[in-house]
Amino acid sequence: MGDFFNPRQHQSKYFARVPMWLIGRPTISPAAAVLYGLLIYKCDTVTGCVRVGVRELQKMMGLKSDRSIRNYINDLEGAGLIVKDRRGQNVTNQYRFRIHQWMTEGN
């Protein structure tokens, strides 16, 4: 076996974070929630925007097809969690996070 580590001390470098308010939502699949966490991981700390290609996300999630990623993005967009900005042909899209009522429910 190996040594132990404290995941709370390595959050930003080694972990994609899925918000607690998103976990278990019946309208968001677990895979779409993981994708949301990956988008947070890839988010620019200054602008709050994410510029990442569908194929890179596909590889990060270990999926064989980029169609699933596109479906998850559509799910997140449809739920009002993100906005996809098309930046042109052969250029990665930009994603922005929306403030959502789920963030404050139960607080």
PDB file of N, CA and C in Angstrom:
ATOM      1  N   MET A   1       0.850  -1.176   0.000  1.00  0.00           N
ATOM      2  CA  MET A   1       0.000   0.000   0.000  1.00  0.00           C
ATOM      3  C   MET A   1       0.891   1.232   0.000  1.00  0.00           C
ATOM      4  N   GLY A   2       0.303   2.381   0.026  1.00  0.00           N
ATOM      5  CA  GLY A   2       1.081   3.612   0.004  1.00  0.00           C
ATOM      6  C   GLY A   2       0.872   4.435   1.253  1.00  0.00           C
ATOM      7  N   ASP A   3       1.475   5.573   1.243  1.00  0.00           N
ATOM      8  CA  ASP A   3       1.288   6.517   2.332  1.00  0.00           C
ATOM      9  C   ASP A   3      -0.093   7.138   2.237  1.00  0.00           C
ATOM     10  N   PHE A   4      -0.472   7.831   3.274  1.00  0.00           N
ATOM     11  CA  PHE A   4      -1.764   8.510   3.314  1.00  0.00           C
ATOM     12  C   PHE A   4      -1.574   9.993   3.019  1.00  0.00           C
ATOM     13  N   PHE A   5      -2.647  10.635   2.613  1.00  0.00           N
ATOM     14  CA  PHE A   5      -2.607  12.079   2.412  1.00  0.00           C
ATOM     15  C   PHE A   5      -3.943  12.668   2.815  1.00  0.00           C
ATOM     16  N   ASN A   6      -3.950  13.958   3.043  1.00  0.00           N
ATOM     17  CA  ASN A   6      -5.165  14.669   3.406  1.00  0.00           C
ATOM     18  C   ASN A   6      -5.706  15.355   2.152  1.00  0.00           C
ATOM     19  N   PRO A   7      -6.827  14.895   1.593  1.00  0.00           N
ATOM     20  CA  PRO A   7      -7.336  15.477   0.356  1.00  0.00           C
ATOM     21  C   PRO A   7      -7.714  16.945   0.502  1.00  0.00           C
ATOM     22  N   ARG A   8      -8.020  17.402   1.703  1.00  0.00           N
ATOM     23  CA  ARG A   8      -8.384  18.804   1.907  1.00  0.00           C
ATOM     24  C   ARG A   8      -7.193  19.732   1.690  1.00  0.00           C
ATOM     25  N   GLN A   9      -5.990  19.208   1.777  1.00  0.00           N
ATOM     26  CA  GLN A   9      -4.797  20.024   1.578  1.00  0.00           C
ATOM     27  C   GLN A   9      -4.372  20.065   0.112  1.00  0.00           C
ATOM     28  N   HIS A  10      -5.003  19.280  -0.731  1.00  0.00           N
ATOM     29  CA  HIS A  10      -4.610  19.189  -2.139  1.00  0.00           C
ATOM     30  C   HIS A  10      -5.792  19.412  -3.081  1.00  0.00           C
ATOM     31  N   GLN A  11      -6.799  20.102  -2.601  1.00  0.00           N
ATOM     32  CA  GLN A  11      -8.040  20.211  -3.372  1.00  0.00           C
ATOM     33  C   GLN A  11      -7.854  20.811  -4.756  1.00  0.00           C
ATOM     34  N   SER A  12      -7.175  21.905  -4.866  1.00  0.00           N
ATOM     35  CA  SER A  12      -7.147  22.594  -6.146  1.00  0.00           C
ATOM     36  C   SER A  12      -6.302  21.884  -7.194  1.00  0.00           C
ATOM     37  N   LYS A  13      -5.300  21.143  -6.771  1.00  0.00           N
ATOM     38  CA  LYS A  13      -4.391  20.539  -7.732  1.00  0.00           C
ATOM     39  C   LYS A  13      -4.851  19.165  -8.221  1.00  0.00           C
ATOM     40  N   TYR A  14      -5.476  18.400  -7.362  1.00  0.00           N
ATOM     41  CA  TYR A  14      -5.744  17.004  -7.696  1.00  0.00           C
ATOM     42  C   TYR A  14      -7.211  16.627  -7.818  1.00  0.00           C
ATOM     43  N   PHE A  15      -8.118  17.540  -7.501  1.00  0.00           N
ATOM     44  CA  PHE A  15      -9.521  17.168  -7.446  1.00  0.00           C
ATOM     45  C   PHE A  15     -10.399  18.113  -8.250  1.00  0.00           C
ATOM     46  N   ALA A  16     -11.353  17.537  -8.968  1.00  0.00           N
ATOM     47  CA  ALA A  16     -12.426  18.324  -9.566  1.00  0.00           C
ATOM     48  C   ALA A  16     -13.556  18.326  -8.547  1.00  0.00           C
ATOM     49  N   ARG A  17     -14.111  19.470  -8.286  1.00  0.00           N
ATOM     50  CA  ARG A  17     -15.128  19.602  -7.237  1.00  0.00           C
ATOM     51  C   ARG A  17     -16.527  19.655  -7.820  1.00  0.00           C
ATOM     52  N   VAL A  18     -17.385  18.817  -7.295  1.00  0.00           N
ATOM     53  CA  VAL A  18     -18.797  18.861  -7.657  1.00  0.00           C
ATOM     54  C   VAL A  18     -19.522  19.491  -6.469  1.00  0.00           C
ATOM     55  N   PRO A  19     -20.210  20.601  -6.677  1.00  0.00           N
ATOM     56  CA  PRO A  19     -20.893  21.264  -5.562  1.00  0.00           C
ATOM     57  C   PRO A  19     -21.936  20.360  -4.906  1.00  0.00           C
ATOM     58  N   MET A  20     -22.031  20.447  -3.601  1.00  0.00           N
ATOM     59  CA  MET A  20     -22.997  19.637  -2.859  1.00  0.00           C
ATOM     60  C   MET A  20     -24.427  19.925  -3.299  1.00  0.00           C
ATOM     61  N   TRP A  21     -24.707  21.173  -3.678  1.00  0.00           N
ATOM     62  CA  TRP A  21     -26.068  21.511  -4.080  1.00  0.00           C
ATOM     63  C   TRP A  21     -26.458  20.876  -5.418  1.00  0.00           C
ATOM     64  N   LEU A  22     -25.482  20.358  -6.149  1.00  0.00           N
ATOM     65  CA  LEU A  22     -25.758  19.737  -7.446  1.00  0.00           C
ATOM     66  C   LEU A  22     -25.919  18.219  -7.338  1.00  0.00           C
ATOM     67  N   ILE A  23     -25.320  17.636  -6.328  1.00  0.00           N
ATOM     68  CA  ILE A  23     -25.351  16.180  -6.153  1.00  0.00           C
ATOM     69  C   ILE A  23     -26.768  15.720  -5.812  1.00  0.00           C
ATOM     70  N   GLY A  24     -27.226  14.704  -6.519  1.00  0.00           N
ATOM     71  CA  GLY A  24     -28.535  14.118  -6.232  1.00  0.00           C
ATOM     72  C   GLY A  24     -29.714  14.840  -6.853  1.00  0.00           C
ATOM     73  N   ARG A  25     -29.473  15.825  -7.706  1.00  0.00           N
ATOM     74  CA  ARG A  25     -30.580  16.497  -8.395  1.00  0.00           C
ATOM     75  C   ARG A  25     -31.181  15.539  -9.414  1.00  0.00           C
ATOM     76  N   PRO A  26     -32.474  15.308  -9.362  1.00  0.00           N
ATOM     77  CA  PRO A  26     -33.082  14.338 -10.286  1.00  0.00           C
ATOM     78  C   PRO A  26     -33.000  14.750 -11.752  1.00  0.00           C
ATOM     79  N   THR A  27     -32.853  16.028 -12.023  1.00  0.00           N
ATOM     80  CA  THR A  27     -32.811  16.485 -13.416  1.00  0.00           C
ATOM     81  C   THR A  27     -31.401  16.550 -13.984  1.00  0.00           C
ATOM     82  N   ILE A  28     -30.391  16.296 -13.152  1.00  0.00           N
ATOM     83  CA  ILE A  28     -28.989  16.323 -13.592  1.00  0.00           C
ATOM     84  C   ILE A  28     -28.388  14.945 -13.343  1.00  0.00           C
ATOM     85  N   SER A  29     -27.911  14.318 -14.393  1.00  0.00           N
ATOM     86  CA  SER A  29     -27.313  12.989 -14.239  1.00  0.00           C
ATOM     87  C   SER A  29     -26.002  13.097 -13.463  1.00  0.00           C
ATOM     88  N   PRO A  30     -25.599  12.018 -12.797  1.00  0.00           N
ATOM     89  CA  PRO A  30     -24.302  12.037 -12.111  1.00  0.00           C
ATOM     90  C   PRO A  30     -23.145  12.392 -13.049  1.00  0.00           C
ATOM     91  N   ALA A  31     -23.204  11.920 -14.283  1.00  0.00           N
ATOM     92  CA  ALA A  31     -22.133  12.226 -15.235  1.00  0.00           C
ATOM     93  C   ALA A  31     -22.120  13.715 -15.589  1.00  0.00           C
ATOM     94  N   ALA A  32     -23.289  14.323 -15.737  1.00  0.00           N
ATOM     95  CA  ALA A  32     -23.344  15.763 -16.012  1.00  0.00           C
ATOM     96  C   ALA A  32     -22.820  16.550 -14.811  1.00  0.00           C
ATOM     97  N   ALA A  33     -23.087  16.065 -13.606  1.00  0.00           N
ATOM     98  CA  ALA A  33     -22.562  16.714 -12.405  1.00  0.00           C
ATOM     99  C   ALA A  33     -21.039  16.625 -12.366  1.00  0.00           C
ATOM    100  N   VAL A  34     -20.492  15.483 -12.761  1.00  0.00           N
ATOM    101  CA  VAL A  34     -19.031  15.336 -12.838  1.00  0.00           C
ATOM    102  C   VAL A  34     -18.469  16.303 -13.877  1.00  0.00           C
ATOM    103  N   LEU A  35     -19.135  16.427 -15.013  1.00  0.00           N
ATOM    104  CA  LEU A  35     -18.692  17.366 -16.032  1.00  0.00           C
ATOM    105  C   LEU A  35     -18.685  18.788 -15.478  1.00  0.00           C
ATOM    106  N   TYR A  36     -19.701  19.158 -14.722  1.00  0.00           N
ATOM    107  CA  TYR A  36     -19.752  20.482 -14.095  1.00  0.00           C
ATOM    108  C   TYR A  36     -18.533  20.674 -13.201  1.00  0.00           C
ATOM    109  N   GLY A  37     -18.178  19.638 -12.442  1.00  0.00           N
ATOM    110  CA  GLY A  37     -16.985  19.700 -11.606  1.00  0.00           C
ATOM    111  C   GLY A  37     -15.719  19.875 -12.424  1.00  0.00           C
ATOM    112  N   LEU A  38     -15.633  19.214 -13.576  1.00  0.00           N
ATOM    113  CA  LEU A  38     -14.468  19.379 -14.457  1.00  0.00           C
ATOM    114  C   LEU A  38     -14.403  20.784 -15.039  1.00  0.00           C
ATOM    115  N   LEU A  39     -15.561  21.351 -15.366  1.00  0.00           N
ATOM    116  CA  LEU A  39     -15.579  22.723 -15.854  1.00  0.00           C
ATOM    117  C   LEU A  39     -15.083  23.686 -14.771  1.00  0.00           C
ATOM    118  N   ILE A  40     -15.479  23.440 -13.531  1.00  0.00           N
ATOM    119  CA  ILE A  40     -14.974  24.256 -12.418  1.00  0.00           C
ATOM    120  C   ILE A  40     -13.461  24.105 -12.322  1.00  0.00           C
ATOM    121  N   TYR A  41     -12.976  22.897 -12.456  1.00  0.00           N
ATOM    122  CA  TYR A  41     -11.536  22.614 -12.386  1.00  0.00           C
ATOM    123  C   TYR A  41     -10.766  23.372 -13.469  1.00  0.00           C
ATOM    124  N   LYS A  42     -11.345  23.459 -14.668  1.00  0.00           N
ATOM    125  CA  LYS A  42     -10.684  24.105 -15.800  1.00  0.00           C
ATOM    126  C   LYS A  42     -10.943  25.616 -15.858  1.00  0.00           C
ATOM    127  N   CYS A  43     -11.723  26.128 -14.938  1.00  0.00           N
ATOM    128  CA  CYS A  43     -12.143  27.523 -14.938  1.00  0.00           C
ATOM    129  C   CYS A  43     -10.967  28.482 -14.715  1.00  0.00           C
ATOM    130  N   ASP A  44     -10.924  29.546 -15.488  1.00  0.00           N
ATOM    131  CA  ASP A  44      -9.921  30.598 -15.301  1.00  0.00           C
ATOM    132  C   ASP A  44     -10.230  31.341 -14.000  1.00  0.00           C
ATOM    133  N   THR A  45      -9.238  31.483 -13.143  1.00  0.00           N
ATOM    134  CA  THR A  45      -9.469  32.074 -11.826  1.00  0.00           C
ATOM    135  C   THR A  45      -9.746  33.573 -11.893  1.00  0.00           C
ATOM    136  N   VAL A  46      -9.375  34.228 -12.975  1.00  0.00           N
ATOM    137  CA  VAL A  46      -9.600  35.669 -13.105  1.00  0.00           C
ATOM    138  C   VAL A  46     -10.946  35.959 -13.756  1.00  0.00           C
ATOM    139  N   THR A  47     -11.214  35.327 -14.891  1.00  0.00           N
ATOM    140  CA  THR A  47     -12.431  35.639 -15.651  1.00  0.00           C
ATOM    141  C   THR A  47     -13.637  34.801 -15.232  1.00  0.00           C
ATOM    142  N   GLY A  48     -13.390  33.647 -14.637  1.00  0.00           N
ATOM    143  CA  GLY A  48     -14.484  32.745 -14.305  1.00  0.00           C
ATOM    144  C   GLY A  48     -15.006  31.982 -15.500  1.00  0.00           C
ATOM    145  N   CYS A  49     -14.330  32.109 -16.634  1.00  0.00           N
ATOM    146  CA  CYS A  49     -14.744  31.434 -17.860  1.00  0.00           C
ATOM    147  C   CYS A  49     -13.920  30.171 -18.077  1.00  0.00           C
ATOM    148  N   VAL A  50     -14.479  29.273 -18.858  1.00  0.00           N
ATOM    149  CA  VAL A  50     -13.797  28.020 -19.193  1.00  0.00           C
ATOM    150  C   VAL A  50     -13.701  27.935 -20.710  1.00  0.00           C
ATOM    151  N   ARG A  51     -12.511  27.713 -21.193  1.00  0.00           N
ATOM    152  CA  ARG A  51     -12.297  27.484 -22.622  1.00  0.00           C
ATOM    153  C   ARG A  51     -11.628  26.135 -22.756  1.00  0.00           C
ATOM    154  N   VAL A  52     -12.433  25.158 -23.074  1.00  0.00           N
ATOM    155  CA  VAL A  52     -11.931  23.789 -23.180  1.00  0.00           C
ATOM    156  C   VAL A  52     -12.708  23.087 -24.286  1.00  0.00           C
ATOM    157  N   GLY A  53     -12.023  22.243 -25.020  1.00  0.00           N
ATOM    158  CA  GLY A  53     -12.657  21.523 -26.102  1.00  0.00           C
ATOM    159  C   GLY A  53     -13.428  20.302 -25.623  1.00  0.00           C
ATOM    160  N   VAL A  54     -14.422  19.941 -26.401  1.00  0.00           N
ATOM    161  CA  VAL A  54     -15.241  18.769 -26.089  1.00  0.00           C
ATOM    162  C   VAL A  54     -14.375  17.511 -26.052  1.00  0.00           C
ATOM    163  N   ARG A  55     -13.430  17.397 -26.954  1.00  0.00           N
ATOM    164  CA  ARG A  55     -12.570  16.201 -26.998  1.00  0.00           C
ATOM    165  C   ARG A  55     -11.699  16.091 -25.739  1.00  0.00           C
ATOM    166  N   GLU A  56     -11.210  17.233 -25.249  1.00  0.00           N
ATOM    167  CA  GLU A  56     -10.422  17.196 -24.012  1.00  0.00           C
ATOM    168  C   GLU A  56     -11.283  16.738 -22.844  1.00  0.00           C
ATOM    169  N   LEU A  57     -12.508  17.238 -22.765  1.00  0.00           N
ATOM    170  CA  LEU A  57     -13.426  16.805 -21.712  1.00  0.00           C
ATOM    171  C   LEU A  57     -13.751  15.324 -21.852  1.00  0.00           C
ATOM    172  N   GLN A  58     -13.927  14.878 -23.081  1.00  0.00           N
ATOM    173  CA  GLN A  58     -14.198  13.462 -23.347  1.00  0.00           C
ATOM    174  C   GLN A  58     -13.070  12.603 -22.802  1.00  0.00           C
ATOM    175  N   LYS A  59     -11.835  12.991 -23.070  1.00  0.00           N
ATOM    176  CA  LYS A  59     -10.684  12.225 -22.580  1.00  0.00           C
ATOM    177  C   LYS A  59     -10.598  12.264 -21.065  1.00  0.00           C
ATOM    178  N   MET A  60     -10.861  13.440 -20.475  1.00  0.00           N
ATOM    179  CA  MET A  60     -10.798  13.570 -19.015  1.00  0.00           C
ATOM    180  C   MET A  60     -11.810  12.655 -18.330  1.00  0.00           C
ATOM    181  N   MET A  61     -12.979  12.470 -18.965  1.00  0.00           N
ATOM    182  CA  MET A  61     -14.020  11.630 -18.382  1.00  0.00           C
ATOM    183  C   MET A  61     -13.904  10.175 -18.816  1.00  0.00           C
ATOM    184  N   GLY A  62     -12.973   9.878 -19.713  1.00  0.00           N
ATOM    185  CA  GLY A  62     -12.765   8.503 -20.154  1.00  0.00           C
ATOM    186  C   GLY A  62     -13.885   7.962 -21.015  1.00  0.00           C
ATOM    187  N   LEU A  63     -14.495   8.827 -21.800  1.00  0.00           N
ATOM    188  CA  LEU A  63     -15.603   8.415 -22.664  1.00  0.00           C
ATOM    189  C   LEU A  63     -15.116   8.129 -24.075  1.00  0.00           C
ATOM    190  N   LYS A  64     -15.797   7.217 -24.756  1.00  0.00           N
ATOM    191  CA  LYS A  64     -15.406   6.840 -26.115  1.00  0.00           C
ATOM    192  C   LYS A  64     -15.933   7.816 -27.158  1.00  0.00           C
ATOM    193  N   SER A  65     -17.013   8.509 -26.823  1.00  0.00           N
ATOM    194  CA  SER A  65     -17.662   9.389 -27.791  1.00  0.00           C
ATOM    195  C   SER A  65     -17.793  10.796 -27.225  1.00  0.00           C
ATOM    196  N   ASP A  66     -17.644  11.786 -28.090  1.00  0.00           N
ATOM    197  CA  ASP A  66     -17.847  13.158 -27.635  1.00  0.00           C
ATOM    198  C   ASP A  66     -19.334  13.512 -27.581  1.00  0.00           C
ATOM    199  N   ARG A  67     -20.179  12.660 -28.137  1.00  0.00           N
ATOM    200  CA  ARG A  67     -21.623  12.908 -28.113  1.00  0.00           C
ATOM    201  C   ARG A  67     -22.153  12.992 -26.680  1.00  0.00           C
ATOM    202  N   SER A  68     -21.646  12.141 -25.808  1.00  0.00           N
ATOM    203  CA  SER A  68     -22.088  12.176 -24.407  1.00  0.00           C
ATOM    204  C   SER A  68     -21.756  13.517 -23.769  1.00  0.00           C
ATOM    205  N   ILE A  69     -20.555  14.024 -24.038  1.00  0.00           N
ATOM    206  CA  ILE A  69     -20.156  15.318 -23.484  1.00  0.00           C
ATOM    207  C   ILE A  69     -21.104  16.403 -23.976  1.00  0.00           C
ATOM    208  N   ARG A  70     -21.413  16.367 -25.258  1.00  0.00           N
ATOM    209  CA  ARG A  70     -22.334  17.367 -25.814  1.00  0.00           C
ATOM    210  C   ARG A  70     -23.712  17.274 -25.139  1.00  0.00           C
ATOM    211  N   ASN A  71     -24.171  16.065 -24.885  1.00  0.00           N
ATOM    212  CA  ASN A  71     -25.454  15.883 -24.193  1.00  0.00           C
ATOM    213  C   ASN A  71     -25.395  16.438 -22.771  1.00  0.00           C
ATOM    214  N   TYR A  72     -24.311  16.168 -22.057  1.00  0.00           N
ATOM    215  CA  TYR A  72     -24.171  16.674 -20.680  1.00  0.00           C
ATOM    216  C   TYR A  72     -24.110  18.197 -20.671  1.00  0.00           C
ATOM    217  N   ILE A  73     -23.403  18.779 -21.627  1.00  0.00           N
ATOM    218  CA  ILE A  73     -23.341  20.239 -21.735  1.00  0.00           C
ATOM    219  C   ILE A  73     -24.745  20.789 -21.981  1.00  0.00           C
ATOM    220  N   ASN A  74     -25.477  20.139 -22.869  1.00  0.00           N
ATOM    221  CA  ASN A  74     -26.861  20.572 -23.134  1.00  0.00           C
ATOM    222  C   ASN A  74     -27.721  20.463 -21.886  1.00  0.00           C
ATOM    223  N   ASP A  75     -27.527  19.402 -21.099  1.00  0.00           N
ATOM    224  CA  ASP A  75     -28.279  19.244 -19.847  1.00  0.00           C
ATOM    225  C   ASP A  75     -27.974  20.383 -18.878  1.00  0.00           C
ATOM    226  N   LEU A  76     -26.685  20.707 -18.733  1.00  0.00           N
ATOM    227  CA  LEU A  76     -26.280  21.781 -17.823  1.00  0.00           C
ATOM    228  C   LEU A  76     -26.792  23.133 -18.304  1.00  0.00           C
ATOM    229  N   GLU A  77     -26.755  23.322 -19.611  1.00  0.00           N
ATOM    230  CA  GLU A  77     -27.270  24.559 -20.196  1.00  0.00           C
ATOM    231  C   GLU A  77     -28.789  24.648 -20.017  1.00  0.00           C
ATOM    232  N   GLY A  78     -29.467  23.547 -20.275  1.00  0.00           N
ATOM    233  CA  GLY A  78     -30.920  23.513 -20.151  1.00  0.00           C
ATOM    234  C   GLY A  78     -31.399  23.761 -18.732  1.00  0.00           C
ATOM    235  N   ALA A  79     -30.585  23.359 -17.759  1.00  0.00           N
ATOM    236  CA  ALA A  79     -30.933  23.577 -16.352  1.00  0.00           C
ATOM    237  C   ALA A  79     -30.587  24.993 -15.893  1.00  0.00           C
ATOM    238  N   GLY A  80     -29.946  25.772 -16.772  1.00  0.00           N
ATOM    239  CA  GLY A  80     -29.591  27.141 -16.419  1.00  0.00           C
ATOM    240  C   GLY A  80     -28.323  27.262 -15.594  1.00  0.00           C
ATOM    241  N   LEU A  81     -27.483  26.219 -15.607  1.00  0.00           N
ATOM    242  CA  LEU A  81     -26.261  26.222 -14.799  1.00  0.00           C
ATOM    243  C   LEU A  81     -25.074  26.853 -15.518  1.00  0.00           C
ATOM    244  N   ILE A  82     -25.035  26.713 -16.840  1.00  0.00           N
ATOM    245  CA  ILE A  82     -23.942  27.280 -17.626  1.00  0.00           C
ATOM    246  C   ILE A  82     -24.498  27.944 -18.873  1.00  0.00           C
ATOM    247  N   VAL A  83     -23.678  28.789 -19.461  1.00  0.00           N
ATOM    248  CA  VAL A  83     -23.975  29.386 -20.765  1.00  0.00           C
ATOM    249  C   VAL A  83     -22.808  29.044 -21.673  1.00  0.00           C
ATOM    250  N   LYS A  84     -23.126  28.574 -22.860  1.00  0.00           N
ATOM    251  CA  LYS A  84     -22.096  28.246 -23.843  1.00  0.00           C
ATOM    252  C   LYS A  84     -22.018  29.381 -24.858  1.00  0.00           C
ATOM    253  N   ASP A  85     -20.833  29.964 -24.968  1.00  0.00           N
ATOM    254  CA  ASP A  85     -20.600  31.012 -25.954  1.00  0.00           C
ATOM    255  C   ASP A  85     -19.806  30.414 -27.108  1.00  0.00           C
ATOM    256  N   ARG A  86     -20.391  30.425 -28.288  1.00  0.00           N
ATOM    257  CA  ARG A  86     -19.663  29.947 -29.467  1.00  0.00           C
ATOM    258  C   ARG A  86     -18.733  31.059 -29.914  1.00  0.00           C
ATOM    259  N   ARG A  87     -17.458  30.708 -30.058  1.00  0.00           N
ATOM    260  CA  ARG A  87     -16.460  31.725 -30.379  1.00  0.00           C
ATOM    261  C   ARG A  87     -16.008  31.676 -31.829  1.00  0.00           C
ATOM    262  N   GLY A  88     -16.572  30.804 -32.614  1.00  0.00           N
ATOM    263  CA  GLY A  88     -16.213  30.736 -34.021  1.00  0.00           C
ATOM    264  C   GLY A  88     -15.914  29.316 -34.452  1.00  0.00           C
ATOM    265  N   GLN A  89     -15.701  29.159 -35.737  1.00  0.00           N
ATOM    266  CA  GLN A  89     -15.434  27.842 -36.292  1.00  0.00           C
ATOM    267  C   GLN A  89     -14.008  27.413 -35.943  1.00  0.00           C
ATOM    268  N   ASN A  90     -13.849  26.154 -35.567  1.00  0.00           N
ATOM    269  CA  ASN A  90     -12.559  25.572 -35.192  1.00  0.00           C
ATOM    270  C   ASN A  90     -11.913  26.251 -33.987  1.00  0.00           C
ATOM    271  N   VAL A  91     -12.730  26.853 -33.141  1.00  0.00           N
ATOM    272  CA  VAL A  91     -12.260  27.477 -31.904  1.00  0.00           C
ATOM    273  C   VAL A  91     -13.093  26.880 -30.772  1.00  0.00           C
ATOM    274  N   THR A  92     -12.441  26.592 -29.643  1.00  0.00           N
ATOM    275  CA  THR A  92     -13.194  26.010 -28.532  1.00  0.00           C
ATOM    276  C   THR A  92     -14.260  26.984 -28.051  1.00  0.00           C
ATOM    277  N   ASN A  93     -15.370  26.432 -27.614  1.00  0.00           N
ATOM    278  CA  ASN A  93     -16.420  27.253 -27.028  1.00  0.00           C
ATOM    279  C   ASN A  93     -15.951  27.770 -25.675  1.00  0.00           C
ATOM    280  N   GLN A  94     -16.627  28.795 -25.216  1.00  0.00           N
ATOM    281  CA  GLN A  94     -16.378  29.309 -23.873  1.00  0.00           C
ATOM    282  C   GLN A  94     -17.616  29.024 -23.037  1.00  0.00           C
ATOM    283  N   TYR A  95     -17.398  28.622 -21.797  1.00  0.00           N
ATOM    284  CA  TYR A  95     -18.499  28.330 -20.891  1.00  0.00           C
ATOM    285  C   TYR A  95     -18.415  29.275 -19.702  1.00  0.00           C
ATOM    286  N   ARG A  96     -19.575  29.777 -19.302  1.00  0.00           N
ATOM    287  CA  ARG A  96     -19.653  30.642 -18.124  1.00  0.00           C
ATOM    288  C   ARG A  96     -20.671  30.051 -17.162  1.00  0.00           C
ATOM    289  N   PHE A  97     -20.423  30.228 -15.888  1.00  0.00           N
ATOM    290  CA  PHE A  97     -21.289  29.690 -14.849  1.00  0.00           C
ATOM    291  C   PHE A  97     -22.350  30.729 -14.475  1.00  0.00           C
ATOM    292  N   ARG A  98     -23.584  30.262 -14.378  1.00  0.00           N
ATOM    293  CA  ARG A  98     -24.689  31.135 -13.982  1.00  0.00           C
ATOM    294  C   ARG A  98     -24.991  30.943 -12.502  1.00  0.00           C
ATOM    295  N   ILE A  99     -25.397  32.013 -11.864  1.00  0.00           N
ATOM    296  CA  ILE A  99     -25.902  31.898 -10.494  1.00  0.00           C
ATOM    297  C   ILE A  99     -27.254  31.191 -10.599  1.00  0.00           C
ATOM    298  N   HIS A 100     -27.456  30.199  -9.769  1.00  0.00           N
ATOM    299  CA  HIS A 100     -28.670  29.384  -9.858  1.00  0.00           C
ATOM    300  C   HIS A 100     -29.330  29.297  -8.483  1.00  0.00           C
ATOM    301  N   GLN A 101     -30.641  29.192  -8.462  1.00  0.00           N
ATOM    302  CA  GLN A 101     -31.377  29.121  -7.190  1.00  0.00           C
ATOM    303  C   GLN A 101     -30.984  27.905  -6.356  1.00  0.00           C
ATOM    304  N   TRP A 102     -30.509  26.830  -6.999  1.00  0.00           N
ATOM    305  CA  TRP A 102     -30.107  25.645  -6.247  1.00  0.00           C
ATOM    306  C   TRP A 102     -28.966  25.953  -5.288  1.00  0.00           C
ATOM    307  N   MET A 103     -28.170  26.963  -5.606  1.00  0.00           N
ATOM    308  CA  MET A 103     -27.009  27.301  -4.773  1.00  0.00           C
ATOM    309  C   MET A 103     -27.398  27.735  -3.381  1.00  0.00           C
ATOM    310  N   THR A 104     -28.582  28.307  -3.242  1.00  0.00           N
ATOM    311  CA  THR A 104     -29.012  28.842  -1.942  1.00  0.00           C
ATOM    312  C   THR A 104     -30.136  28.051  -1.285  1.00  0.00           C
ATOM    313  N   GLU A 105     -30.655  27.063  -1.973  1.00  0.00           N
ATOM    314  CA  GLU A 105     -31.716  26.250  -1.376  1.00  0.00           C
ATOM    315  C   GLU A 105     -31.165  25.479  -0.185  1.00  0.00           C
ATOM    316  N   GLY A 106     -31.940  25.479   0.873  1.00  0.00           N
ATOM    317  CA  GLY A 106     -31.551  24.710   2.052  1.00  0.00           C
ATOM    318  C   GLY A 106     -30.529  25.409   2.936  1.00  0.00           C
ATOM    319  N   ASN A 107     -30.153  26.637   2.597  1.00  0.00           N
ATOM    320  CA  ASN A 107     -29.191  27.370   3.444  1.00  0.00           C
ATOM    321  C   ASN A 107     -29.920  28.248   4.428  1.00  0.00           C
TER     322      ASN A 107
END
